[in-house]
Each structure stands twice: as structure tokens, then as C-alpha cells.
Amino acid sequence: MRIITTIAALALMGTTATAGGLSDQIVEAPVIMEEPVAAGPSINPAFIVVGVLAALLIASAASDDDDDEPREREEILTACETLECLAG
């Protein structure tokens, strides 16, 4: 009986001795190599497109032919002559 208890005691001591300590296991984080990223444009291309469209709209509004401007004398005479031709 004494041999069985000795063997059981040695078996328990052997497993606790190889089980490790009570402190937490130290796990090192894997090293991740990041590739450098090329620098992108500092201005979003959508802003450039919107700016060009706004400039085109402003330019078309500024160059709009309004009827507020007085006509030249030749244009008025030509219009009168065609009206007289149609009336007569």
C-alpha cells in the first residue's frame, strides 16, 4: 500500500512541476510590416469638377445676350424694312 501512495505522490508532483507557474504566460505580438503608401492628392477631384462647372455656369450667365441692350441702327432698319415688305 505504501508503494501505491508513493507512486501516486510522485505522479502528482510530476504533473504539477511540468504544469507551469501561476503567473500569466507572456505572449509576444507578431511583428507586422506595413508598406509605405504613396501620398494621394491633397484636393479631392470632385471639388475640381464642381469648380469648373460653376465657372462655366457663371461665364454663360455673364455672356448671356439680354434684350436690355439697345440694338444697332442697322439691325433696326433691317427689321423695319422686312415688316414693311410683309405688310405691303
C-alpha atoms as a PDB file:
ATOM      1  CA  MET A   1       0.000   0.000   0.000  1.00  0.00           C
ATOM      2  CA  ARG A   2       2.880   2.261   0.727  1.00  0.00           C
ATOM      3  CA  ILE A   3       4.224   1.836  -2.810  1.00  0.00           C
ATOM      4  CA  ILE A   4       0.905   2.874  -4.324  1.00  0.00           C
ATOM      5  CA  THR A   5       0.776   6.105  -2.297  1.00  0.00           C
ATOM      6  CA  THR A   6       4.396   6.870  -3.188  1.00  0.00           C
ATOM      7  CA  ILE A   7       3.720   6.324  -6.875  1.00  0.00           C
ATOM      8  CA  ALA A   8       0.548   8.486  -6.653  1.00  0.00           C
ATOM      9  CA  ALA A   9       2.501  11.231  -4.862  1.00  0.00           C
ATOM     10  CA  LEU A  10       5.268  11.157  -7.481  1.00  0.00           C
ATOM     11  CA  ALA A  11       2.693  11.241 -10.256  1.00  0.00           C
ATOM     12  CA  LEU A  12       1.006  14.316  -8.749  1.00  0.00           C
ATOM     13  CA  MET A  13       4.322  16.092  -8.193  1.00  0.00           C
ATOM     14  CA  GLY A  14       5.440  15.341 -11.724  1.00  0.00           C
ATOM     15  CA  THR A  15       2.318  16.815 -13.305  1.00  0.00           C
ATOM     16  CA  THR A  16       2.316  19.947 -11.146  1.00  0.00           C
ATOM     17  CA  ALA A  17       6.005  20.501 -11.769  1.00  0.00           C
ATOM     18  CA  THR A  18       5.565  20.475 -15.546  1.00  0.00           C
ATOM     19  CA  ALA A  19       2.260  22.419 -15.499  1.00  0.00           C
ATOM     20  CA  GLY A  20       3.985  25.802 -15.203  1.00  0.00           C
ATOM     21  CA  GLY A  21       3.882  28.620 -12.728  1.00  0.00           C
ATOM     22  CA  LEU A  22       0.960  30.719 -11.540  1.00  0.00           C
ATOM     23  CA  SER A  23       1.979  33.827 -13.495  1.00  0.00           C
ATOM     24  CA  ASP A  24       0.373  34.647 -16.828  1.00  0.00           C
ATOM     25  CA  GLN A  25       2.037  33.398 -19.947  1.00  0.00           C
ATOM     26  CA  ILE A  26       3.915  36.086 -21.880  1.00  0.00           C
ATOM     27  CA  VAL A  27       2.763  36.164 -25.488  1.00  0.00           C
ATOM     28  CA  GLU A  28       4.598  38.467 -27.861  1.00  0.00           C
ATOM     29  CA  ALA A  29       2.564  40.177 -30.566  1.00  0.00           C
ATOM     30  CA  PRO A  30       3.514  39.253 -34.122  1.00  0.00           C
ATOM     31  CA  VAL A  31       5.533  41.854 -35.991  1.00  0.00           C
ATOM     32  CA  ILE A  32       3.537  43.351 -38.867  1.00  0.00           C
ATOM     33  CA  MET A  33       5.483  45.106 -41.585  1.00  0.00           C
ATOM     34  CA  GLU A  34       3.495  47.894 -43.228  1.00  0.00           C
ATOM     35  CA  GLU A  35       4.368  49.008 -46.704  1.00  0.00           C
ATOM     36  CA  PRO A  36       4.592  52.760 -47.178  1.00  0.00           C
ATOM     37  CA  VAL A  37       1.607  54.199 -49.002  1.00  0.00           C
ATOM     38  CA  ALA A  38       2.102  56.743 -51.770  1.00  0.00           C
ATOM     39  CA  ALA A  39       0.788  60.201 -50.946  1.00  0.00           C
ATOM     40  CA  GLY A  40      -2.568  60.935 -52.524  1.00  0.00           C
ATOM     41  CA  PRO A  41      -3.745  64.216 -53.977  1.00  0.00           C
ATOM     42  CA  SER A  42      -4.328  66.984 -51.473  1.00  0.00           C
ATOM     43  CA  ILE A  43      -7.570  68.096 -53.174  1.00  0.00           C
ATOM     44  CA  ASN A  44     -10.485  65.824 -53.903  1.00  0.00           C
ATOM     45  CA  PRO A  45     -11.025  65.657 -57.709  1.00  0.00           C
ATOM     46  CA  ALA A  46     -14.771  66.110 -57.194  1.00  0.00           C
ATOM     47  CA  PHE A  47     -14.132  69.657 -55.924  1.00  0.00           C
ATOM     48  CA  ILE A  48     -12.231  70.471 -59.116  1.00  0.00           C
ATOM     49  CA  VAL A  49     -15.098  69.228 -61.291  1.00  0.00           C
ATOM     50  CA  VAL A  50     -17.648  71.228 -59.289  1.00  0.00           C
ATOM     51  CA  GLY A  51     -15.448  74.333 -59.522  1.00  0.00           C
ATOM     52  CA  VAL A  52     -15.109  74.025 -63.296  1.00  0.00           C
ATOM     53  CA  LEU A  53     -18.864  73.557 -63.700  1.00  0.00           C
ATOM     54  CA  ALA A  54     -19.552  76.591 -61.517  1.00  0.00           C
ATOM     55  CA  ALA A  55     -17.105  78.669 -63.566  1.00  0.00           C
ATOM     56  CA  LEU A  56     -18.821  77.582 -66.797  1.00  0.00           C
ATOM     57  CA  LEU A  57     -22.250  78.493 -65.420  1.00  0.00           C
ATOM     58  CA  ILE A  58     -21.030  81.902 -64.283  1.00  0.00           C
ATOM     59  CA  ALA A  59     -19.374  82.527 -67.649  1.00  0.00           C
ATOM     60  CA  SER A  60     -22.504  81.557 -69.562  1.00  0.00           C
ATOM     61  CA  ALA A  61     -24.663  83.790 -67.363  1.00  0.00           C
ATOM     62  CA  ALA A  62     -22.268  86.717 -67.814  1.00  0.00           C
ATOM     63  CA  SER A  63     -22.197  86.382 -71.597  1.00  0.00           C
ATOM     64  CA  ASP A  64     -25.951  85.919 -71.954  1.00  0.00           C
ATOM     65  CA  ASP A  65     -27.411  88.110 -74.712  1.00  0.00           C
ATOM     66  CA  ASP A  66     -30.005  90.237 -72.963  1.00  0.00           C
ATOM     67  CA  ASP A  67     -32.623  92.263 -74.798  1.00  0.00           C
ATOM     68  CA  ASP A  68     -31.931  95.174 -72.462  1.00  0.00           C
ATOM     69  CA  GLU A  69     -29.078  96.375 -74.629  1.00  0.00           C
ATOM     70  CA  PRO A  70     -30.035  98.794 -77.410  1.00  0.00           C
ATOM     71  CA  ARG A  71     -29.859  97.425 -80.921  1.00  0.00           C
ATOM     72  CA  GLU A  72     -27.647  98.882 -83.506  1.00  0.00           C
ATOM     73  CA  ARG A  73     -29.188 101.148 -86.140  1.00  0.00           C
ATOM     74  CA  GLU A  74     -28.638  98.708 -88.996  1.00  0.00           C
ATOM     75  CA  GLU A  75     -30.492  95.928 -87.220  1.00  0.00           C
ATOM     76  CA  ILE A  76     -33.449  98.201 -86.541  1.00  0.00           C
ATOM     77  CA  LEU A  77     -33.598  99.350 -90.156  1.00  0.00           C
ATOM     78  CA  THR A  78     -33.416  95.806 -91.450  1.00  0.00           C
ATOM     79  CA  ALA A  79     -36.245  94.750 -89.154  1.00  0.00           C
ATOM     80  CA  CYS A  80     -38.407  97.701 -90.274  1.00  0.00           C
ATOM     81  CA  GLU A  81     -37.818  97.007 -93.935  1.00  0.00           C
ATOM     82  CA  THR A  82     -38.878  93.373 -93.580  1.00  0.00           C
ATOM     83  CA  LEU A  83     -42.011  94.389 -91.688  1.00  0.00           C
ATOM     84  CA  GLU A  84     -42.926  96.886 -94.390  1.00  0.00           C
ATOM     85  CA  CYS A  85     -42.362  94.244 -97.025  1.00  0.00           C
ATOM     86  CA  LEU A  86     -44.634  91.846 -95.231  1.00  0.00           C
ATOM     87  CA  ALA A  87     -47.333  94.452 -94.637  1.00  0.00           C
ATOM     88  CA  GLY A  88     -47.327  95.865 -98.145  1.00  0.00           C
END
